[in-house]
Amino acid sequence: MTEEQGLQIRKLRQKGLGYRAIALAVGVSRDSVRNYCKLRGLAGYQPVYEMNLKDRIEDGSACAFCGALLKQKKTGRKRRFCSEACRRNYWKIHREEIRKSDKAIYTMECPYCGKIFESYGNKNRKYCCHEHYVLDRFGKSVNSDLEKE
């Protein structure tokens, strides 16, 4: 079973699908799906599991991305994800949840093309894109250098 199939199984299981439906969707046997779920704590009757998973994620005892059980440390900040990979994948999918400060959004004008653009968190940025920086500074296209090689 590939890593992609494992992620698909996990997502479908969390949406409330049973072993047979997941097996048909992913293209593996029902027993493979069941074994995968048992090893990763996704087993049990789906409606009960789904409700328990939501509760566990809310109280911080399960990973917000994959649903794996978390061991919280006695001191420090509560963990929300089981690994760095889960944290990155979660925020890649849930970009709208990222809290951005209005004070960190800067409106600028590109000196090369005159386009107005917004820069988040960098008040020293001058150009709207890297290509315009290269054209303004060196007077040649980024793509022309690649074509010569």
Protein backbone atom coordinates (compact mmCIF):
# COMPACT_ATOMS: atom_id res chain seq x y z
CA MET A 1 0.00 0.00 0.00
CA THR A 2 1.37 3.39 -0.97
CA GLU A 3 1.53 6.46 1.25
CA GLU A 4 -1.10 8.19 -0.93
CA GLN A 5 -3.50 5.28 -0.45
CA GLY A 6 -2.93 5.49 3.30
CA LEU A 7 -3.80 9.19 3.32
CA GLN A 8 -6.92 8.50 1.24
CA ILE A 9 -8.01 5.76 3.65
CA ARG A 10 -7.51 8.08 6.63
CA LYS A 11 -9.49 10.93 5.03
CA LEU A 12 -12.35 8.71 3.90
CA ARG A 13 -12.54 7.02 7.30
CA GLN A 14 -12.76 10.39 9.01
CA LYS A 15 -15.58 11.40 6.65
CA GLY A 16 -17.63 8.46 7.90
CA LEU A 17 -17.16 5.76 5.25
CA GLY A 18 -16.95 2.09 6.15
CA TYR A 19 -14.19 -0.39 5.24
CA ARG A 20 -15.94 -1.73 2.12
CA ALA A 21 -16.70 1.71 0.68
CA ILE A 22 -13.13 2.85 1.31
CA ALA A 23 -11.73 -0.31 -0.29
CA LEU A 24 -13.76 0.34 -3.45
CA ALA A 25 -12.72 3.99 -3.60
CA VAL A 26 -9.01 3.40 -3.00
CA GLY A 27 -8.67 0.14 -4.91
CA VAL A 28 -7.39 -2.16 -2.18
CA SER A 29 -9.01 -5.07 -0.35
CA ARG A 30 -11.39 -4.55 2.56
CA ASP A 31 -9.06 -6.50 4.85
CA SER A 32 -6.15 -4.21 3.96
CA VAL A 33 -8.27 -1.18 4.85
CA ARG A 34 -9.39 -2.78 8.12
CA ASN A 35 -5.81 -3.68 9.09
CA TYR A 36 -4.57 -0.19 8.24
CA CYS A 37 -7.32 1.35 10.37
CA LYS A 38 -6.70 -0.97 13.31
CA LEU A 39 -2.98 -0.19 13.35
CA ARG A 40 -3.62 3.55 13.37
CA GLY A 41 -6.49 3.71 15.85
CA LEU A 42 -9.20 4.29 13.24
CA ALA A 43 -11.11 1.08 13.95
CA GLY A 44 -14.60 0.69 15.41
CA TYR A 45 -18.11 1.52 14.35
CA GLN A 46 -17.83 4.56 12.14
CA PRO A 47 -20.55 6.85 13.60
CA VAL A 48 -19.18 6.33 17.10
CA TYR A 49 -15.59 6.72 15.93
CA GLU A 50 -16.38 9.93 14.02
CA MET A 51 -18.02 11.56 17.03
CA ASN A 52 -15.22 10.48 19.35
CA LEU A 53 -12.57 11.74 16.93
CA LYS A 54 -14.12 15.21 16.77
CA ASP A 55 -14.24 15.34 20.57
CA ARG A 56 -10.63 14.15 20.85
CA ILE A 57 -9.41 16.75 18.35
CA GLU A 58 -11.26 19.53 20.20
CA ASP A 59 -9.85 18.57 23.60
CA GLY A 60 -6.32 18.18 22.20
CA SER A 61 -5.85 14.44 22.64
CA ALA A 62 -5.82 13.71 18.86
CA CYS A 63 -3.91 15.17 15.91
CA ALA A 64 -5.96 17.77 14.03
CA PHE A 65 -4.86 16.37 10.66
CA CYS A 66 -4.63 12.59 10.93
CA GLY A 67 -6.51 11.84 14.16
CA ALA A 68 -3.63 9.95 15.79
CA LEU A 69 -3.52 10.05 19.58
CA LEU A 70 -1.26 12.72 21.06
CA LYS A 71 0.75 12.58 24.25
CA GLN A 72 0.66 16.03 25.80
CA LYS A 73 3.64 17.22 27.79
CA LYS A 74 3.10 18.36 31.35
CA THR A 75 4.59 21.77 30.66
CA GLY A 76 4.63 24.06 27.66
CA ARG A 77 2.18 24.64 24.86
CA LYS A 78 -0.41 21.97 24.03
CA ARG A 79 0.41 20.00 20.91
CA ARG A 80 -2.10 20.10 18.06
CA PHE A 81 -0.33 17.85 15.55
CA CYS A 82 1.52 14.55 15.90
CA SER A 83 4.32 15.52 13.49
CA GLU A 84 5.74 18.32 11.40
CA ALA A 85 4.37 16.66 8.24
CA CYS A 86 0.82 16.65 9.65
CA ARG A 87 1.17 20.32 10.64
CA ARG A 88 2.31 21.32 7.15
CA ASN A 89 -0.38 19.26 5.41
CA TYR A 90 -3.10 20.70 7.67
CA TRP A 91 -2.13 24.32 7.00
CA LYS A 92 -1.70 23.61 3.28
CA ILE A 93 -5.36 22.51 3.17
CA HIS A 94 -6.74 25.07 5.66
CA ARG A 95 -5.10 28.31 4.48
CA GLU A 96 -8.24 30.30 5.27
CA GLU A 97 -7.76 29.61 9.00
CA ILE A 98 -4.37 31.31 9.12
CA ARG A 99 -4.66 34.46 11.21
CA LYS A 100 -3.00 37.37 9.44
CA SER A 101 -2.43 40.70 11.09
CA ASP A 102 -3.75 43.75 9.23
CA LYS A 103 -0.69 45.66 10.44
CA ALA A 104 1.63 43.32 8.50
CA ILE A 105 0.06 43.92 5.07
CA TYR A 106 1.99 46.53 3.08
CA THR A 107 0.79 48.06 -0.20
CA MET A 108 3.63 48.75 -2.64
CA GLU A 109 4.20 49.79 -6.25
CA CYS A 110 6.58 47.77 -8.43
CA PRO A 111 9.30 50.09 -9.84
CA TYR A 112 9.56 48.01 -13.02
CA CYS A 113 5.93 47.65 -14.15
CA GLY A 114 4.13 50.13 -11.90
CA LYS A 115 1.71 47.46 -10.64
CA ILE A 116 0.28 47.91 -7.14
CA PHE A 117 0.77 44.77 -5.01
CA GLU A 118 0.50 43.68 -1.39
CA SER A 119 3.36 42.26 0.62
CA TYR A 120 2.63 40.35 3.82
CA GLY A 121 5.21 40.76 6.56
CA ASN A 122 7.94 42.38 4.42
CA LYS A 123 7.90 46.16 4.33
CA ASN A 124 11.19 46.28 2.36
CA ARG A 125 9.95 44.34 -0.68
CA LYS A 126 10.18 46.39 -3.88
CA TYR A 127 9.12 44.22 -6.82
CA CYS A 128 5.88 42.36 -7.50
CA CYS A 129 7.76 39.26 -8.75
CA HIS A 130 11.28 37.90 -9.11
CA GLU A 131 11.28 38.27 -12.89
CA HIS A 132 10.72 42.02 -12.64
CA TYR A 133 13.55 42.30 -10.12
CA VAL A 134 15.94 40.58 -12.55
CA LEU A 135 14.75 42.66 -15.52
CA ASP A 136 15.12 45.93 -13.62
CA ARG A 137 18.46 45.10 -12.08
CA PHE A 138 20.22 43.23 -14.88
CA GLY A 139 18.18 44.15 -17.95
CA LYS A 140 17.60 40.61 -19.17
CA SER A 141 14.93 37.96 -18.80
CA VAL A 142 15.28 35.05 -16.38
CA ASN A 143 14.01 32.67 -19.07
CA SER A 144 16.57 33.84 -21.66
CA ASP A 145 19.43 32.60 -19.45
CA LEU A 146 17.81 29.18 -19.19
CA GLU A 147 17.24 28.95 -22.94
CA LYS A 148 20.94 29.57 -23.68
CA GLU A 149 22.04 26.53 -21.65
